[in-house]
Structures are given as C-alpha cells and as structure tokens.
Amino acid sequence: MRRLATFLATALFSTSLWAMHCPADMAKIDGLLKTNPPSDAAVLAQVQKLRAEGETLHKAGNHGESVKVLAEALQLLEASE
C-alpha cells in the first residue's frame, strides 16, 4: 500500500510539473520568434505549427506530449541561429 501511495503521489506531482513547463516553453518560443525569427520561411512555418500543436496538447491536458512538441520547436529555433 505504501508503494502505491508513493507512486500515485509521484505521478500527480510530475504531471503538475509538466503542466507548468508547457507555458514556459511557449513563452520562450514566442520571445525567440519576436527577437530572432528564423530567416528560412519553411523553418518559421514549422516552428509556428509545432508551437500551436504544443499549446493545443497542453490545453487538452496532454502535457508530456506537449513538452516534446515544444522542445522540437525550440530545437529548430536554436539550430536556425
């Protein structure tokens, strides 16, 4: 029983951490797009698509997947610098 309680507490805690991570990533992407947007239109379009997808996933409660998608957008932005 103790293991189950520990597992459930850990799962709930980690879910809330993922939920807080998404808005921070979206804000970082928005900031980079304003200050240093990619010069390649295809990269810009892909980053915007991934950012929108990440926000949709976040709003749907799928925070783990949202973090992955937003990380991909950030990686594209950093590679285009």
N, C-alpha and C. Protein backbone atom coordinates (compact mmCIF):
# COMPACT_ATOMS: atom_id res chain seq x y z
N MET A 1 0.82 -1.19 0.00
CA MET A 1 0.00 0.00 0.00
C MET A 1 0.87 1.26 0.00
N ARG A 2 1.96 1.22 0.73
CA ARG A 2 2.85 2.36 0.80
C ARG A 2 3.45 2.66 -0.58
N ARG A 3 3.81 1.61 -1.30
CA ARG A 3 4.37 1.79 -2.65
C ARG A 3 3.35 2.44 -3.59
N LEU A 4 2.12 2.00 -3.49
CA LEU A 4 1.06 2.55 -4.33
C LEU A 4 0.86 4.04 -4.03
N ALA A 5 0.83 4.38 -2.77
CA ALA A 5 0.66 5.78 -2.38
C ALA A 5 1.84 6.63 -2.87
N THR A 6 3.04 6.11 -2.76
CA THR A 6 4.22 6.82 -3.24
C THR A 6 4.17 7.00 -4.74
N PHE A 7 3.79 5.95 -5.45
CA PHE A 7 3.67 6.02 -6.90
C PHE A 7 2.64 7.07 -7.33
N LEU A 8 1.47 7.05 -6.69
CA LEU A 8 0.42 7.99 -7.04
C LEU A 8 0.83 9.43 -6.74
N ALA A 9 1.47 9.64 -5.61
CA ALA A 9 1.93 11.00 -5.27
C ALA A 9 2.97 11.48 -6.28
N THR A 10 3.88 10.61 -6.66
CA THR A 10 4.91 10.97 -7.64
C THR A 10 4.28 11.27 -8.99
N ALA A 11 3.33 10.45 -9.39
CA ALA A 11 2.66 10.66 -10.68
C ALA A 11 1.91 11.99 -10.71
N LEU A 12 1.20 12.30 -9.64
CA LEU A 12 0.46 13.56 -9.58
C LEU A 12 1.41 14.75 -9.56
N PHE A 13 2.50 14.65 -8.82
CA PHE A 13 3.47 15.73 -8.74
C PHE A 13 4.13 15.97 -10.09
N SER A 14 4.52 14.89 -10.76
CA SER A 14 5.21 15.06 -12.05
C SER A 14 4.27 15.61 -13.11
N THR A 15 3.01 15.27 -13.07
CA THR A 15 2.04 15.80 -14.02
C THR A 15 1.90 17.30 -13.86
N SER A 16 1.88 17.77 -12.62
CA SER A 16 1.76 19.21 -12.41
C SER A 16 3.04 19.92 -12.85
N LEU A 17 4.18 19.29 -12.73
CA LEU A 17 5.42 19.89 -13.22
C LEU A 17 5.40 20.02 -14.73
N TRP A 18 4.93 18.99 -15.42
CA TRP A 18 4.82 19.07 -16.88
C TRP A 18 3.88 20.19 -17.28
N ALA A 19 2.79 20.32 -16.56
CA ALA A 19 1.80 21.35 -16.88
C ALA A 19 2.39 22.74 -16.76
N MET A 20 3.28 22.95 -15.78
CA MET A 20 3.90 24.27 -15.61
C MET A 20 5.00 24.50 -16.64
N HIS A 21 5.57 23.44 -17.15
CA HIS A 21 6.68 23.54 -18.11
C HIS A 21 6.19 24.04 -19.47
N CYS A 22 5.01 23.65 -19.87
CA CYS A 22 4.48 24.00 -21.19
C CYS A 22 4.39 25.51 -21.40
N PRO A 23 3.75 26.26 -20.49
CA PRO A 23 3.65 27.70 -20.71
C PRO A 23 5.02 28.39 -20.76
N ALA A 24 5.97 27.89 -19.99
CA ALA A 24 7.31 28.47 -20.02
C ALA A 24 7.96 28.24 -21.39
N ASP A 25 7.79 27.05 -21.93
CA ASP A 25 8.34 26.77 -23.26
C ASP A 25 7.65 27.61 -24.34
N MET A 26 6.34 27.76 -24.23
CA MET A 26 5.62 28.56 -25.22
C MET A 26 6.08 30.02 -25.15
N ALA A 27 6.28 30.54 -23.96
CA ALA A 27 6.75 31.92 -23.80
C ALA A 27 8.16 32.08 -24.37
N LYS A 28 8.99 31.08 -24.17
CA LYS A 28 10.36 31.13 -24.71
C LYS A 28 10.33 31.15 -26.23
N ILE A 29 9.49 30.29 -26.82
CA ILE A 29 9.35 30.25 -28.28
C ILE A 29 8.84 31.60 -28.79
N ASP A 30 7.82 32.14 -28.14
CA ASP A 30 7.26 33.43 -28.56
C ASP A 30 8.32 34.53 -28.50
N GLY A 31 9.12 34.52 -27.44
CA GLY A 31 10.17 35.51 -27.30
C GLY A 31 11.22 35.40 -28.39
N LEU A 32 11.63 34.17 -28.69
CA LEU A 32 12.62 33.96 -29.75
C LEU A 32 12.07 34.34 -31.12
N LEU A 33 10.79 34.08 -31.35
CA LEU A 33 10.19 34.44 -32.63
C LEU A 33 10.12 35.96 -32.80
N LYS A 34 9.94 36.68 -31.69
CA LYS A 34 9.88 38.14 -31.76
C LYS A 34 11.27 38.76 -31.93
N THR A 35 12.24 38.24 -31.19
CA THR A 35 13.56 38.86 -31.18
C THR A 35 14.49 38.36 -32.27
N ASN A 36 14.37 37.07 -32.62
CA ASN A 36 15.30 36.49 -33.57
C ASN A 36 14.61 35.39 -34.40
N PRO A 37 13.65 35.77 -35.23
CA PRO A 37 12.93 34.75 -36.02
C PRO A 37 13.85 34.11 -37.06
N PRO A 38 13.60 32.85 -37.40
CA PRO A 38 14.40 32.20 -38.43
C PRO A 38 14.24 32.90 -39.77
N SER A 39 15.33 32.98 -40.52
CA SER A 39 15.27 33.63 -41.83
C SER A 39 14.63 32.72 -42.88
N ASP A 40 14.68 31.41 -42.65
CA ASP A 40 14.09 30.44 -43.57
C ASP A 40 12.58 30.35 -43.30
N ALA A 41 11.78 30.67 -44.30
CA ALA A 41 10.32 30.67 -44.14
C ALA A 41 9.78 29.29 -43.79
N ALA A 42 10.40 28.23 -44.31
CA ALA A 42 9.94 26.87 -44.01
C ALA A 42 10.16 26.53 -42.54
N VAL A 43 11.30 26.95 -42.00
CA VAL A 43 11.59 26.69 -40.58
C VAL A 43 10.63 27.50 -39.71
N LEU A 44 10.39 28.73 -40.07
CA LEU A 44 9.45 29.58 -39.33
C LEU A 44 8.07 28.95 -39.31
N ALA A 45 7.60 28.48 -40.45
CA ALA A 45 6.28 27.84 -40.53
C ALA A 45 6.21 26.59 -39.67
N GLN A 46 7.28 25.79 -39.69
CA GLN A 46 7.31 24.56 -38.89
C GLN A 46 7.31 24.88 -37.41
N VAL A 47 8.07 25.89 -37.00
CA VAL A 47 8.11 26.28 -35.58
C VAL A 47 6.73 26.77 -35.14
N GLN A 48 6.09 27.58 -35.95
CA GLN A 48 4.75 28.09 -35.62
C GLN A 48 3.74 26.95 -35.52
N LYS A 49 3.86 25.98 -36.41
CA LYS A 49 2.95 24.81 -36.39
C LYS A 49 3.16 24.00 -35.11
N LEU A 50 4.42 23.75 -34.77
CA LEU A 50 4.72 22.97 -33.57
C LEU A 50 4.30 23.71 -32.31
N ARG A 51 4.49 25.02 -32.29
CA ARG A 51 4.10 25.81 -31.13
C ARG A 51 2.59 25.74 -30.92
N ALA A 52 1.83 25.87 -32.00
CA ALA A 52 0.37 25.79 -31.92
C ALA A 52 -0.07 24.39 -31.48
N GLU A 53 0.58 23.37 -32.00
CA GLU A 53 0.27 21.99 -31.62
C GLU A 53 0.57 21.77 -30.14
N GLY A 54 1.69 22.32 -29.67
CA GLY A 54 2.04 22.19 -28.26
C GLY A 54 1.02 22.85 -27.35
N GLU A 55 0.53 24.01 -27.76
CA GLU A 55 -0.50 24.69 -26.96
C GLU A 55 -1.80 23.90 -26.93
N THR A 56 -2.17 23.33 -28.07
CA THR A 56 -3.38 22.50 -28.14
C THR A 56 -3.26 21.28 -27.23
N LEU A 57 -2.11 20.62 -27.27
CA LEU A 57 -1.88 19.46 -26.41
C LEU A 57 -1.91 19.86 -24.93
N HIS A 58 -1.32 21.01 -24.61
CA HIS A 58 -1.32 21.49 -23.23
C HIS A 58 -2.74 21.73 -22.74
N LYS A 59 -3.54 22.40 -23.56
CA LYS A 59 -4.93 22.69 -23.17
C LYS A 59 -5.75 21.43 -23.03
N ALA A 60 -5.37 20.38 -23.78
CA ALA A 60 -6.08 19.10 -23.70
C ALA A 60 -5.61 18.26 -22.51
N GLY A 61 -4.58 18.74 -21.81
CA GLY A 61 -4.09 18.01 -20.64
C GLY A 61 -3.01 17.00 -20.95
N ASN A 62 -2.55 16.96 -22.19
CA ASN A 62 -1.52 16.01 -22.59
C ASN A 62 -0.15 16.70 -22.49
N HIS A 63 0.29 16.93 -21.26
CA HIS A 63 1.47 17.75 -21.02
C HIS A 63 2.78 17.08 -21.44
N GLY A 64 2.89 15.80 -21.28
CA GLY A 64 4.10 15.11 -21.70
C GLY A 64 4.35 15.25 -23.19
N GLU A 65 3.31 15.08 -23.97
CA GLU A 65 3.43 15.21 -25.42
C GLU A 65 3.64 16.67 -25.82
N SER A 66 3.00 17.57 -25.10
CA SER A 66 3.17 18.99 -25.36
C SER A 66 4.62 19.41 -25.16
N VAL A 67 5.24 18.95 -24.09
CA VAL A 67 6.64 19.28 -23.81
C VAL A 67 7.54 18.78 -24.94
N LYS A 68 7.26 17.57 -25.43
CA LYS A 68 8.06 17.01 -26.53
C LYS A 68 7.95 17.87 -27.80
N VAL A 69 6.74 18.26 -28.14
CA VAL A 69 6.50 19.04 -29.36
C VAL A 69 7.14 20.42 -29.22
N LEU A 70 6.98 21.03 -28.06
CA LEU A 70 7.56 22.35 -27.85
C LEU A 70 9.08 22.29 -27.84
N ALA A 71 9.65 21.21 -27.32
CA ALA A 71 11.10 21.04 -27.34
C ALA A 71 11.60 20.93 -28.78
N GLU A 72 10.84 20.28 -29.63
CA GLU A 72 11.21 20.17 -31.04
C GLU A 72 11.21 21.55 -31.69
N ALA A 73 10.22 22.37 -31.36
CA ALA A 73 10.17 23.73 -31.91
C ALA A 73 11.37 24.55 -31.42
N LEU A 74 11.71 24.42 -30.15
CA LEU A 74 12.86 25.14 -29.61
C LEU A 74 14.16 24.68 -30.27
N GLN A 75 14.25 23.40 -30.51
CA GLN A 75 15.45 22.84 -31.17
C GLN A 75 15.59 23.42 -32.59
N LEU A 76 14.49 23.52 -33.30
CA LEU A 76 14.53 24.11 -34.65
C LEU A 76 14.96 25.57 -34.59
N LEU A 77 14.45 26.31 -33.61
CA LEU A 77 14.81 27.71 -33.47
C LEU A 77 16.30 27.87 -33.16
N GLU A 78 16.79 27.05 -32.26
CA GLU A 78 18.20 27.14 -31.88
C GLU A 78 19.12 26.72 -33.02
N ALA A 79 18.69 25.78 -33.82
CA ALA A 79 19.51 25.32 -34.95
C ALA A 79 19.54 26.36 -36.07
N SER A 80 18.55 27.20 -36.12
CA SER A 80 18.48 28.19 -37.21
C SER A 80 19.26 29.46 -36.90
N GLU A 81 19.78 29.57 -35.69
CA GLU A 81 20.54 30.78 -35.32
C GLU A 81 21.86 30.86 -36.04
